[in-house]
């Protein structure tokens, strides 16, 4: 699922108020970190992560892309050493999930 720019903007706004719960440290991205991110995404849908200064292998963009690939999520935003990931959950009722803005219908030119 590719996010539209309006959906990304909506998720960025929601991410402003959440705390950082994933930290990529000197050990990099291992099975435990992927499992932790996966569980957090299933529970919250939107998570914020950070690459610590002691990690020389990853920058925030690379860490976000690798975690997104491993957890089947979308990179919403990368700023400095922080990143935001989103994945729709299926364990919560529809009314409790984040309701994304619907993509606009494409206009056809006649």
PDB file of N, CA and C in Angstrom:
ATOM      1  N   UNK A   1       0.839  -1.188   0.000  1.00  0.00           N
ATOM      2  CA  UNK A   1       0.000   0.000   0.000  1.00  0.00           C
ATOM      3  C   UNK A   1       0.879   1.245   0.000  1.00  0.00           C
ATOM      4  N   UNK A   2       0.775   2.041  -1.050  1.00  0.00           N
ATOM      5  CA  UNK A   2       1.517   3.286  -1.103  1.00  0.00           C
ATOM      6  C   UNK A   2       0.653   4.406  -0.534  1.00  0.00           C
ATOM      7  N   UNK A   3       1.276   5.222   0.291  1.00  0.00           N
ATOM      8  CA  UNK A   3       0.560   6.336   0.898  1.00  0.00           C
ATOM      9  C   UNK A   3       0.593   7.541  -0.026  1.00  0.00           C
ATOM     10  N   UNK A   4      -0.511   8.280  -0.068  1.00  0.00           N
ATOM     11  CA  UNK A   4      -0.536   9.525  -0.834  1.00  0.00           C
ATOM     12  C   UNK A   4       0.095  10.632   0.008  1.00  0.00           C
ATOM     13  N   UNK A   5       0.375  11.762  -0.600  1.00  0.00           N
ATOM     14  CA  UNK A   5       0.992  12.861   0.143  1.00  0.00           C
ATOM     15  C   UNK A   5       0.060  13.389   1.236  1.00  0.00           C
ATOM     16  N   UNK A   6      -1.256  13.370   0.979  1.00  0.00           N
ATOM     17  CA  UNK A   6      -2.210  13.815   2.003  1.00  0.00           C
ATOM     18  C   UNK A   6      -2.249  12.849   3.184  1.00  0.00           C
ATOM     19  N   UNK A   7      -2.156  11.557   2.887  1.00  0.00           N
ATOM     20  CA  UNK A   7      -2.137  10.566   3.963  1.00  0.00           C
ATOM     21  C   UNK A   7      -0.848  10.689   4.768  1.00  0.00           C
ATOM     22  N   UNK A   8       0.279  10.911   4.086  1.00  0.00           N
ATOM     23  CA  UNK A   8       1.550  11.112   4.794  1.00  0.00           C
ATOM     24  C   UNK A   8       1.468  12.338   5.702  1.00  0.00           C
ATOM     25  N   UNK A   9       0.881  13.419   5.189  1.00  0.00           N
ATOM     26  CA  UNK A   9       0.737  14.641   5.980  1.00  0.00           C
ATOM     27  C   UNK A   9      -0.123  14.388   7.216  1.00  0.00           C
ATOM     28  N   UNK A  10      -1.206  13.628   7.039  1.00  0.00           N
ATOM     29  CA  UNK A  10      -2.084  13.285   8.166  1.00  0.00           C
ATOM     30  C   UNK A  10      -1.303  12.484   9.209  1.00  0.00           C
ATOM     31  N   UNK A  11      -0.537  11.485   8.763  1.00  0.00           N
ATOM     32  CA  UNK A  11       0.224  10.645   9.691  1.00  0.00           C
ATOM     33  C   UNK A  11       1.352  11.423  10.358  1.00  0.00           C
ATOM     34  N   UNK A  12       1.982  12.343   9.624  1.00  0.00           N
ATOM     35  CA  UNK A  12       3.021  13.186  10.236  1.00  0.00           C
ATOM     36  C   UNK A  12       2.445  14.019  11.368  1.00  0.00           C
ATOM     37  N   UNK A  13       1.245  14.542  11.159  1.00  0.00           N
ATOM     38  CA  UNK A  13       0.575  15.308  12.203  1.00  0.00           C
ATOM     39  C   UNK A  13       0.286  14.470  13.437  1.00  0.00           C
ATOM     40  N   UNK A  14      -0.164  13.241  13.215  1.00  0.00           N
ATOM     41  CA  UNK A  14      -0.438  12.339  14.342  1.00  0.00           C
ATOM     42  C   UNK A  14       0.854  11.944  15.057  1.00  0.00           C
ATOM     43  N   UNK A  15       1.948  11.842  14.309  1.00  0.00           N
ATOM     44  CA  UNK A  15       3.223  11.401  14.885  1.00  0.00           C
ATOM     45  C   UNK A  15       3.856  12.460  15.778  1.00  0.00           C
ATOM     46  N   UNK A  16       3.431  13.717  15.624  1.00  0.00           N
ATOM     47  CA  UNK A  16       4.000  14.784  16.451  1.00  0.00           C
ATOM     48  C   UNK A  16       3.787  14.536  17.937  1.00  0.00           C
ATOM     49  N   UNK A  17       2.699  13.900  18.284  1.00  0.00           N
ATOM     50  CA  UNK A  17       2.348  13.754  19.697  1.00  0.00           C
ATOM     51  C   UNK A  17       2.802  12.425  20.312  1.00  0.00           C
ATOM     52  N   UNK A  18       3.329  11.506  19.492  1.00  0.00           N
ATOM     53  CA  UNK A  18       3.707  10.206  20.058  1.00  0.00           C
ATOM     54  C   UNK A  18       5.177  10.197  20.474  1.00  0.00           C
ATOM     55  N   UNK A  19       5.494   9.326  21.397  1.00  0.00           N
ATOM     56  CA  UNK A  19       6.866   9.196  21.894  1.00  0.00           C
ATOM     57  C   UNK A  19       7.657   8.212  21.039  1.00  0.00           C
ATOM     58  N   UNK A  20       8.972   8.359  21.089  1.00  0.00           N
ATOM     59  CA  UNK A  20       9.868   7.442  20.396  1.00  0.00           C
ATOM     60  C   UNK A  20       9.902   6.132  21.175  1.00  0.00           C
ATOM     61  N   UNK A  21       9.590   5.011  20.498  1.00  0.00           N
ATOM     62  CA  UNK A  21       9.568   3.728  21.211  1.00  0.00           C
ATOM     63  C   UNK A  21      10.573   2.728  20.647  1.00  0.00           C
ATOM     64  N   UNK A  22      11.118   3.004  19.459  1.00  0.00           N
ATOM     65  CA  UNK A  22      12.109   2.113  18.853  1.00  0.00           C
ATOM     66  C   UNK A  22      13.437   2.849  18.782  1.00  0.00           C
ATOM     67  N   UNK A  23      14.511   2.205  19.256  1.00  0.00           N
ATOM     68  CA  UNK A  23      15.833   2.821  19.183  1.00  0.00           C
ATOM     69  C   UNK A  23      16.810   1.851  18.531  1.00  0.00           C
ATOM     70  N   UNK A  24      17.436   2.331  17.458  1.00  0.00           N
ATOM     71  CA  UNK A  24      18.445   1.534  16.773  1.00  0.00           C
ATOM     72  C   UNK A  24      19.781   1.916  17.385  1.00  0.00           C
ATOM     73  N   UNK A  25      20.355   1.003  18.168  1.00  0.00           N
ATOM     74  CA  UNK A  25      21.604   1.271  18.872  1.00  0.00           C
ATOM     75  C   UNK A  25      22.800   0.708  18.143  1.00  0.00           C
ATOM     76  N   UNK A  26      23.865   0.485  18.886  1.00  0.00           N
ATOM     77  CA  UNK A  26      25.120   0.029  18.274  1.00  0.00           C
ATOM     78  C   UNK A  26      25.022  -1.376  17.686  1.00  0.00           C
ATOM     79  N   UNK A  27      24.040  -2.161  18.122  1.00  0.00           N
ATOM     80  CA  UNK A  27      23.870  -3.512  17.580  1.00  0.00           C
ATOM     81  C   UNK A  27      23.170  -3.515  16.228  1.00  0.00           C
ATOM     82  N   UNK A  28      22.624  -2.365  15.822  1.00  0.00           N
ATOM     83  CA  UNK A  28      21.957  -2.286  14.523  1.00  0.00           C
ATOM     84  C   UNK A  28      20.562  -2.870  14.566  1.00  0.00           C
ATOM     85  N   UNK A  29      20.126  -3.371  13.416  1.00  0.00           N
ATOM     86  CA  UNK A  29      18.776  -3.924  13.292  1.00  0.00           C
ATOM     87  C   UNK A  29      18.863  -5.442  13.299  1.00  0.00           C
ATOM     88  N   UNK A  30      18.456  -6.035  14.414  1.00  0.00           N
ATOM     89  CA  UNK A  30      18.487  -7.482  14.558  1.00  0.00           C
ATOM     90  C   UNK A  30      17.083  -8.042  14.684  1.00  0.00           C
ATOM     91  N   UNK A  31      17.006  -9.334  14.922  1.00  0.00           N
ATOM     92  CA  UNK A  31      15.704 -10.000  15.043  1.00  0.00           C
ATOM     93  C   UNK A  31      14.853  -9.429  16.169  1.00  0.00           C
ATOM     94  N   UNK A  32      15.489  -9.114  17.306  1.00  0.00           N
ATOM     95  CA  UNK A  32      14.732  -8.585  18.446  1.00  0.00           C
ATOM     96  C   UNK A  32      14.122  -7.227  18.133  1.00  0.00           C
ATOM     97  N   UNK A  33      14.881  -6.371  17.471  1.00  0.00           N
ATOM     98  CA  UNK A  33      14.378  -5.042  17.132  1.00  0.00           C
ATOM     99  C   UNK A  33      13.246  -5.138  16.115  1.00  0.00           C
ATOM    100  N   UNK A  34      13.387  -6.021  15.142  1.00  0.00           N
ATOM    101  CA  UNK A  34      12.334  -6.222  14.142  1.00  0.00           C
ATOM    102  C   UNK A  34      11.066  -6.742  14.816  1.00  0.00           C
ATOM    103  N   UNK A  35      11.226  -7.699  15.729  1.00  0.00           N
ATOM    104  CA  UNK A  35      10.073  -8.258  16.453  1.00  0.00           C
ATOM    105  C   UNK A  35       9.400  -7.180  17.301  1.00  0.00           C
ATOM    106  N   UNK A  36      10.195  -6.360  17.968  1.00  0.00           N
ATOM    107  CA  UNK A  36       9.659  -5.284  18.791  1.00  0.00           C
ATOM    108  C   UNK A  36       8.900  -4.269  17.924  1.00  0.00           C
ATOM    109  N   UNK A  37       9.459  -3.905  16.783  1.00  0.00           N
ATOM    110  CA  UNK A  37       8.803  -2.954  15.879  1.00  0.00           C
ATOM    111  C   UNK A  37       7.513  -3.552  15.321  1.00  0.00           C
ATOM    112  N   UNK A  38       7.557  -4.825  14.969  1.00  0.00           N
ATOM    113  CA  UNK A  38       6.386  -5.506  14.419  1.00  0.00           C
ATOM    114  C   UNK A  38       5.239  -5.526  15.422  1.00  0.00           C
ATOM    115  N   UNK A  39       5.544  -5.865  16.662  1.00  0.00           N
ATOM    116  CA  UNK A  39       4.523  -5.896  17.716  1.00  0.00           C
ATOM    117  C   UNK A  39       3.974  -4.497  18.001  1.00  0.00           C
ATOM    118  N   UNK A  40       4.864  -3.498  17.998  1.00  0.00           N
ATOM    119  CA  UNK A  40       4.427  -2.118  18.243  1.00  0.00           C
ATOM    120  C   UNK A  40       3.529  -1.624  17.117  1.00  0.00           C
ATOM    121  N   UNK A  41       3.865  -1.963  15.875  1.00  0.00           N
ATOM    122  CA  UNK A  41       3.032  -1.569  14.734  1.00  0.00           C
ATOM    123  C   UNK A  41       1.658  -2.227  14.801  1.00  0.00           C
ATOM    124  N   UNK A  42       1.611  -3.470  15.215  1.00  0.00           N
ATOM    125  CA  UNK A  42       0.326  -4.172  15.316  1.00  0.00           C
ATOM    126  C   UNK A  42      -0.542  -3.545  16.416  1.00  0.00           C
ATOM    127  N   UNK A  43       0.099  -3.120  17.490  1.00  0.00           N
ATOM    128  CA  UNK A  43      -0.646  -2.541  18.605  1.00  0.00           C
ATOM    129  C   UNK A  43      -1.025  -1.081  18.368  1.00  0.00           C
ATOM    130  N   UNK A  44      -0.140  -0.314  17.706  1.00  0.00           N
ATOM    131  CA  UNK A  44      -0.341   1.142  17.608  1.00  0.00           C
ATOM    132  C   UNK A  44      -0.561   1.680  16.210  1.00  0.00           C
ATOM    133  N   UNK A  45      -0.149   0.959  15.202  1.00  0.00           N
ATOM    134  CA  UNK A  45      -0.208   1.351  13.790  1.00  0.00           C
ATOM    135  C   UNK A  45       0.853   2.383  13.394  1.00  0.00           C
ATOM    136  N   UNK A  46       1.141   3.335  14.261  1.00  0.00           N
ATOM    137  CA  UNK A  46       2.072   4.411  13.963  1.00  0.00           C
ATOM    138  C   UNK A  46       3.134   4.444  15.051  1.00  0.00           C
ATOM    139  N   UNK A  47       4.405   4.296  14.671  1.00  0.00           N
ATOM    140  CA  UNK A  47       5.474   4.308  15.669  1.00  0.00           C
ATOM    141  C   UNK A  47       6.580   5.265  15.236  1.00  0.00           C
ATOM    142  N   UNK A  48       7.283   5.760  16.245  1.00  0.00           N
ATOM    143  CA  UNK A  48       8.398   6.660  15.996  1.00  0.00           C
ATOM    144  C   UNK A  48       9.666   5.968  16.491  1.00  0.00           C
ATOM    145  N   UNK A  49      10.708   6.049  15.684  1.00  0.00           N
ATOM    146  CA  UNK A  49      11.975   5.439  16.045  1.00  0.00           C
ATOM    147  C   UNK A  49      13.111   6.427  15.944  1.00  0.00           C
ATOM    148  N   UNK A  50      14.257   6.025  16.470  1.00  0.00           N
ATOM    149  CA  UNK A  50      15.420   6.911  16.484  1.00  0.00           C
ATOM    150  C   UNK A  50      16.682   6.079  16.325  1.00  0.00           C
ATOM    151  N   UNK A  51      17.633   6.626  15.570  1.00  0.00           N
ATOM    152  CA  UNK A  51      18.942   5.994  15.444  1.00  0.00           C
ATOM    153  C   UNK A  51      19.868   6.710  16.421  1.00  0.00           C
ATOM    154  N   UNK A  52      20.423   5.966  17.358  1.00  0.00           N
ATOM    155  CA  UNK A  52      21.295   6.561  18.374  1.00  0.00           C
ATOM    156  C   UNK A  52      22.643   6.960  17.779  1.00  0.00           C
ATOM    157  N   UNK A  53      23.310   7.893  18.443  1.00  0.00           N
ATOM    158  CA  UNK A  53      24.597   8.410  17.960  1.00  0.00           C
ATOM    159  C   UNK A  53      25.688   7.350  17.917  1.00  0.00           C
ATOM    160  N   UNK A  54      25.583   6.322  18.768  1.00  0.00           N
ATOM    161  CA  UNK A  54      26.634   5.304  18.815  1.00  0.00           C
ATOM    162  C   UNK A  54      26.526   4.281  17.684  1.00  0.00           C
ATOM    163  N   UNK A  55      25.541   4.437  16.787  1.00  0.00           N
ATOM    164  CA  UNK A  55      25.397   3.539  15.647  1.00  0.00           C
ATOM    165  C   UNK A  55      26.074   4.170  14.442  1.00  0.00           C
ATOM    166  N   UNK A  56      27.151   3.543  13.975  1.00  0.00           N
ATOM    167  CA  UNK A  56      27.875   4.094  12.829  1.00  0.00           C
ATOM    168  C   UNK A  56      27.460   3.439  11.516  1.00  0.00           C
ATOM    169  N   UNK A  57      26.717   2.345  11.603  1.00  0.00           N
ATOM    170  CA  UNK A  57      26.337   1.590  10.407  1.00  0.00           C
ATOM    171  C   UNK A  57      25.117   2.184   9.700  1.00  0.00           C
ATOM    172  N   UNK A  58      24.164   2.731  10.454  1.00  0.00           N
ATOM    173  CA  UNK A  58      22.896   3.192   9.894  1.00  0.00           C
ATOM    174  C   UNK A  58      22.712   4.690  10.074  1.00  0.00           C
ATOM    175  N   UNK A  59      22.110   5.325   9.058  1.00  0.00           N
ATOM    176  CA  UNK A  59      21.538   6.643   9.269  1.00  0.00           C
ATOM    177  C   UNK A  59      20.023   6.421   9.377  1.00  0.00           C
ATOM    178  N   UNK A  60      19.279   7.466   9.687  1.00  0.00           N
ATOM    179  CA  UNK A  60      17.851   7.300   9.941  1.00  0.00           C
ATOM    180  C   UNK A  60      17.106   6.790   8.703  1.00  0.00           C
ATOM    181  N   UNK A  61      17.455   7.284   7.520  1.00  0.00           N
ATOM    182  CA  UNK A  61      16.770   6.871   6.282  1.00  0.00           C
ATOM    183  C   UNK A  61      16.966   5.377   6.032  1.00  0.00           C
ATOM    184  N   UNK A  62      18.213   4.911   6.127  1.00  0.00           N
ATOM    185  CA  UNK A  62      18.520   3.503   5.879  1.00  0.00           C
ATOM    186  C   UNK A  62      17.849   2.602   6.914  1.00  0.00           C
ATOM    187  N   UNK A  63      17.908   3.010   8.176  1.00  0.00           N
ATOM    188  CA  UNK A  63      17.273   2.219   9.238  1.00  0.00           C
ATOM    189  C   UNK A  63      15.764   2.142   9.035  1.00  0.00           C
ATOM    190  N   UNK A  64      15.140   3.266   8.680  1.00  0.00           N
ATOM    191  CA  UNK A  64      13.692   3.292   8.465  1.00  0.00           C
ATOM    192  C   UNK A  64      13.304   2.396   7.295  1.00  0.00           C
ATOM    193  N   UNK A  65      14.051   2.472   6.201  1.00  0.00           N
ATOM    194  CA  UNK A  65      13.722   1.653   5.030  1.00  0.00           C
ATOM    195  C   UNK A  65      13.900   0.170   5.319  1.00  0.00           C
ATOM    196  N   UNK A  66      14.958  -0.181   6.034  1.00  0.00           N
ATOM    197  CA  UNK A  66      15.197  -1.591   6.350  1.00  0.00           C
ATOM    198  C   UNK A  66      14.141  -2.135   7.318  1.00  0.00           C
ATOM    199  N   UNK A  67      13.785  -1.341   8.331  1.00  0.00           N
ATOM    200  CA  UNK A  67      12.741  -1.768   9.271  1.00  0.00           C
ATOM    201  C   UNK A  67      11.382  -1.857   8.579  1.00  0.00           C
ATOM    202  N   UNK A  68      11.099  -0.914   7.691  1.00  0.00           N
ATOM    203  CA  UNK A  68       9.832  -0.934   6.962  1.00  0.00           C
ATOM    204  C   UNK A  68       9.721  -2.183   6.101  1.00  0.00           C
ATOM    205  N   UNK A  69      10.804  -2.541   5.447  1.00  0.00           N
ATOM    206  CA  UNK A  69      10.811  -3.744   4.607  1.00  0.00           C
ATOM    207  C   UNK A  69      10.611  -4.994   5.464  1.00  0.00           C
ATOM    208  N   UNK A  70      11.287  -5.059   6.606  1.00  0.00           N
ATOM    209  CA  UNK A  70      11.210  -6.230   7.477  1.00  0.00           C
ATOM    210  C   UNK A  70       9.844  -6.366   8.153  1.00  0.00           C
ATOM    211  N   UNK A  71       9.164  -5.247   8.374  1.00  0.00           N
ATOM    212  CA  UNK A  71       7.884  -5.295   9.085  1.00  0.00           C
ATOM    213  C   UNK A  71       6.685  -5.059   8.157  1.00  0.00           C
ATOM    214  N   UNK A  72       6.925  -4.969   6.861  1.00  0.00           N
ATOM    215  CA  UNK A  72       5.880  -4.721   5.864  1.00  0.00           C
ATOM    216  C   UNK A  72       5.101  -3.449   6.186  1.00  0.00           C
ATOM    217  N   UNK A  73       5.825  -2.385   6.502  1.00  0.00           N
ATOM    218  CA  UNK A  73       5.195  -1.108   6.840  1.00  0.00           C
ATOM    219  C   UNK A  73       5.661  -0.034   5.860  1.00  0.00           C
ATOM    220  N   UNK A  74       5.190   1.176   6.066  1.00  0.00           N
ATOM    221  CA  UNK A  74       5.521   2.307   5.199  1.00  0.00           C
ATOM    222  C   UNK A  74       6.323   3.336   5.982  1.00  0.00           C
ATOM    223  N   UNK A  75       7.348   3.896   5.353  1.00  0.00           N
ATOM    224  CA  UNK A  75       8.078   5.006   5.951  1.00  0.00           C
ATOM    225  C   UNK A  75       7.246   6.256   5.728  1.00  0.00           C
ATOM    226  N   UNK A  76       6.886   6.925   6.808  1.00  0.00           N
ATOM    227  CA  UNK A  76       6.073   8.134   6.715  1.00  0.00           C
ATOM    228  C   UNK A  76       6.975   9.361   6.640  1.00  0.00           C
ATOM    229  N   UNK A  77       8.012   9.376   7.479  1.00  0.00           N
ATOM    230  CA  UNK A  77       8.833  10.577   7.608  1.00  0.00           C
ATOM    231  C   UNK A  77      10.193  10.220   8.180  1.00  0.00           C
ATOM    232  N   UNK A  78      11.214  10.940   7.728  1.00  0.00           N
ATOM    233  CA  UNK A  78      12.548  10.834   8.307  1.00  0.00           C
ATOM    234  C   UNK A  78      13.057  12.257   8.512  1.00  0.00           C
ATOM    235  N   UNK A  79      13.364  12.600   9.750  1.00  0.00           N
ATOM    236  CA  UNK A  79      13.917  13.920  10.066  1.00  0.00           C
ATOM    237  C   UNK A  79      15.079  13.718  11.024  1.00  0.00           C
ATOM    238  N   UNK A  80      16.271  14.152  10.608  1.00  0.00           N
ATOM    239  CA  UNK A  80      17.445  14.016  11.456  1.00  0.00           C
ATOM    240  C   UNK A  80      17.697  12.563  11.791  1.00  0.00           C
ATOM    241  N   UNK A  81      17.698  12.237  13.069  1.00  0.00           N
ATOM    242  CA  UNK A  81      17.938  10.858  13.484  1.00  0.00           C
ATOM    243  C   UNK A  81      16.639  10.119  13.814  1.00  0.00           C
ATOM    244  N   UNK A  82      15.497  10.744  13.558  1.00  0.00           N
ATOM    245  CA  UNK A  82      14.207  10.129  13.880  1.00  0.00           C
ATOM    246  C   UNK A  82      13.453   9.742  12.617  1.00  0.00           C
ATOM    247  N   UNK A  83      12.601   8.725  12.768  1.00  0.00           N
ATOM    248  CA  UNK A  83      11.781   8.272  11.649  1.00  0.00           C
ATOM    249  C   UNK A  83      10.431   7.795  12.166  1.00  0.00           C
ATOM    250  N   UNK A  84       9.457   7.759  11.261  1.00  0.00           N
ATOM    251  CA  UNK A  84       8.100   7.338  11.611  1.00  0.00           C
ATOM    252  C   UNK A  84       7.671   6.250  10.636  1.00  0.00           C
ATOM    253  N   UNK A  85       7.100   5.159  11.174  1.00  0.00           N
ATOM    254  CA  UNK A  85       6.608   4.051  10.361  1.00  0.00           C
ATOM    255  C   UNK A  85       5.109   3.863  10.604  1.00  0.00           C
ATOM    256  N   UNK A  86       4.403   3.389   9.559  1.00  0.00           N
ATOM    257  CA  UNK A  86       2.963   3.142   9.662  1.00  0.00           C
ATOM    258  C   UNK A  86       2.628   1.803   9.016  1.00  0.00           C
ATOM    259  N   UNK A  87       1.748   1.067   9.672  1.00  0.00           N
ATOM    260  CA  UNK A  87       1.167  -0.137   9.094  1.00  0.00           C
ATOM    261  C   UNK A  87      -0.222  -0.312   9.693  1.00  0.00           C
ATOM    262  N   UNK A  88      -1.206  -0.519   8.822  1.00  0.00           N
ATOM    263  CA  UNK A  88      -2.569  -0.725   9.303  1.00  0.00           C
ATOM    264  C   UNK A  88      -2.636  -2.021  10.095  1.00  0.00           C
ATOM    265  N   UNK A  89      -3.298  -1.971  11.235  1.00  0.00           N
ATOM    266  CA  UNK A  89      -3.435  -3.155  12.076  1.00  0.00           C
ATOM    267  C   UNK A  89      -4.702  -3.911  11.704  1.00  0.00           C
ATOM    268  N   UNK A  90      -4.710  -5.183  11.991  1.00  0.00           N
ATOM    269  CA  UNK A  90      -5.902  -5.985  11.749  1.00  0.00           C
ATOM    270  C   UNK A  90      -6.426  -6.583  13.050  1.00  0.00           C
ATOM    271  N   UNK A  91      -5.770  -6.278  14.159  1.00  0.00           N
ATOM    272  CA  UNK A  91      -6.185  -6.836  15.438  1.00  0.00           C
ATOM    273  C   UNK A  91      -7.170  -5.926  16.175  1.00  0.00           C
ATOM    274  N   UNK A  92      -7.370  -4.710  15.689  1.00  0.00           N
ATOM    275  CA  UNK A  92      -8.304  -3.791  16.331  1.00  0.00           C
ATOM    276  C   UNK A  92      -9.540  -3.608  15.460  1.00  0.00           C
ATOM    277  N   UNK A  93     -10.676  -3.289  16.060  1.00  0.00           N
ATOM    278  CA  UNK A  93     -11.880  -3.032  15.265  1.00  0.00           C
ATOM    279  C   UNK A  93     -11.667  -1.822  14.352  1.00  0.00           C
ATOM    280  N   UNK A  94     -12.395  -1.777  13.244  1.00  0.00           N
ATOM    281  CA  UNK A  94     -12.215  -0.716  12.249  1.00  0.00           C
ATOM    282  C   UNK A  94     -12.394   0.682  12.838  1.00  0.00           C
ATOM    283  N   UNK A  95     -13.324   0.841  13.773  1.00  0.00           N
ATOM    284  CA  UNK A  95     -13.563   2.175  14.325  1.00  0.00           C
ATOM    285  C   UNK A  95     -12.453   2.626  15.278  1.00  0.00           C
ATOM    286  N   UNK A  96     -11.583   1.719  15.714  1.00  0.00           N
ATOM    287  CA  UNK A  96     -10.479   2.062  16.608  1.00  0.00           C
ATOM    288  C   UNK A  96      -9.168   2.291  15.845  1.00  0.00           C
ATOM    289  N   UNK A  97      -9.157   2.041  14.538  1.00  0.00           N
ATOM    290  CA  UNK A  97      -7.951   2.210  13.727  1.00  0.00           C
ATOM    291  C   UNK A  97      -7.803   3.660  13.284  1.00  0.00           C
ATOM    292  N   UNK A  98      -6.607   3.986  12.814  1.00  0.00           N
ATOM    293  CA  UNK A  98      -6.386   5.300  12.223  1.00  0.00           C
ATOM    294  C   UNK A  98      -7.134   5.351  10.900  1.00  0.00           C
ATOM    295  N   UNK A  99      -7.994   6.341  10.744  1.00  0.00           N
ATOM    296  CA  UNK A  99      -8.768   6.500   9.519  1.00  0.00           C
ATOM    297  C   UNK A  99      -8.017   7.428   8.581  1.00  0.00           C
ATOM    298  N   UNK A 100      -7.422   6.868   7.548  1.00  0.00           N
ATOM    299  CA  UNK A 100      -6.666   7.671   6.593  1.00  0.00           C
ATOM    300  C   UNK A 100      -7.601   8.399   5.641  1.00  0.00           C
ATOM    301  N   UNK A 101      -7.148   9.555   5.161  1.00  0.00           N
ATOM    302  CA  UNK A 101      -7.903  10.310   4.171  1.00  0.00           C
ATOM    303  C   UNK A 101      -7.972   9.472   2.905  1.00  0.00           C
ATOM    304  N   UNK A 102      -9.120   9.486   2.273  1.00  0.00           N
ATOM    305  CA  UNK A 102      -9.285   8.714   1.035  1.00  0.00           C
ATOM    306  C   UNK A 102      -8.540   9.400  -0.101  1.00  0.00           C
ATOM    307  N   UNK A 103      -7.877   8.624  -0.962  1.00  0.00           N
ATOM    308  CA  UNK A 103      -7.207   9.231  -2.106  1.00  0.00           C
ATOM    309  C   UNK A 103      -8.231   9.841  -3.051  1.00  0.00           C
ATOM    310  N   UNK A 104      -7.882  10.985  -3.630  1.00  0.00           N
ATOM    311  CA  UNK A 104      -8.792  11.682  -4.536  1.00  0.00           C
ATOM    312  C   UNK A 104      -8.941  10.880  -5.833  1.00  0.00           C
ATOM    313  N   UNK A 105     -10.121  10.964  -6.405  1.00  0.00           N
ATOM    314  CA  UNK A 105     -10.359  10.294  -7.681  1.00  0.00           C
ATOM    315  C   UNK A 105      -9.603  11.027  -8.778  1.00  0.00           C
ATOM    316  N   UNK A 106      -8.998  10.268  -9.673  1.00  0.00           N
ATOM    317  CA  UNK A 106      -8.268  10.881 -10.778  1.00  0.00           C
ATOM    318  C   UNK A 106      -9.256  11.396 -11.806  1.00  0.00           C
ATOM    319  N   UNK A 107      -9.023  12.626 -12.240  1.00  0.00           N
ATOM    320  CA  UNK A 107      -9.901  13.212 -13.252  1.00  0.00           C
ATOM    321  C   UNK A 107      -9.405  12.798 -14.625  1.00  0.00           C
ATOM    322  N   UNK A 108     -10.344  12.419 -15.457  1.00  0.00           N
ATOM    323  CA  UNK A 108      -9.971  12.045 -16.822  1.00  0.00           C
ATOM    324  C   UNK A 108     -10.184  13.246 -17.731  1.00  0.00           C
ATOM    325  N   UNK A 109      -9.242  13.474 -18.589  1.00  0.00           N
ATOM    326  CA  UNK A 109      -9.316  14.599 -19.516  1.00  0.00           C
ATOM    327  C   UNK A 109      -9.938  14.104 -20.808  1.00  0.00           C
ATOM    328  N   UNK A 110     -10.961  14.828 -21.266  1.00  0.00           N
ATOM    329  CA  UNK A 110     -11.643  14.417 -22.495  1.00  0.00           C
ATOM    330  C   UNK A 110     -11.142  15.217 -23.666  1.00  0.00           C
TER     331      UNK A 110
END
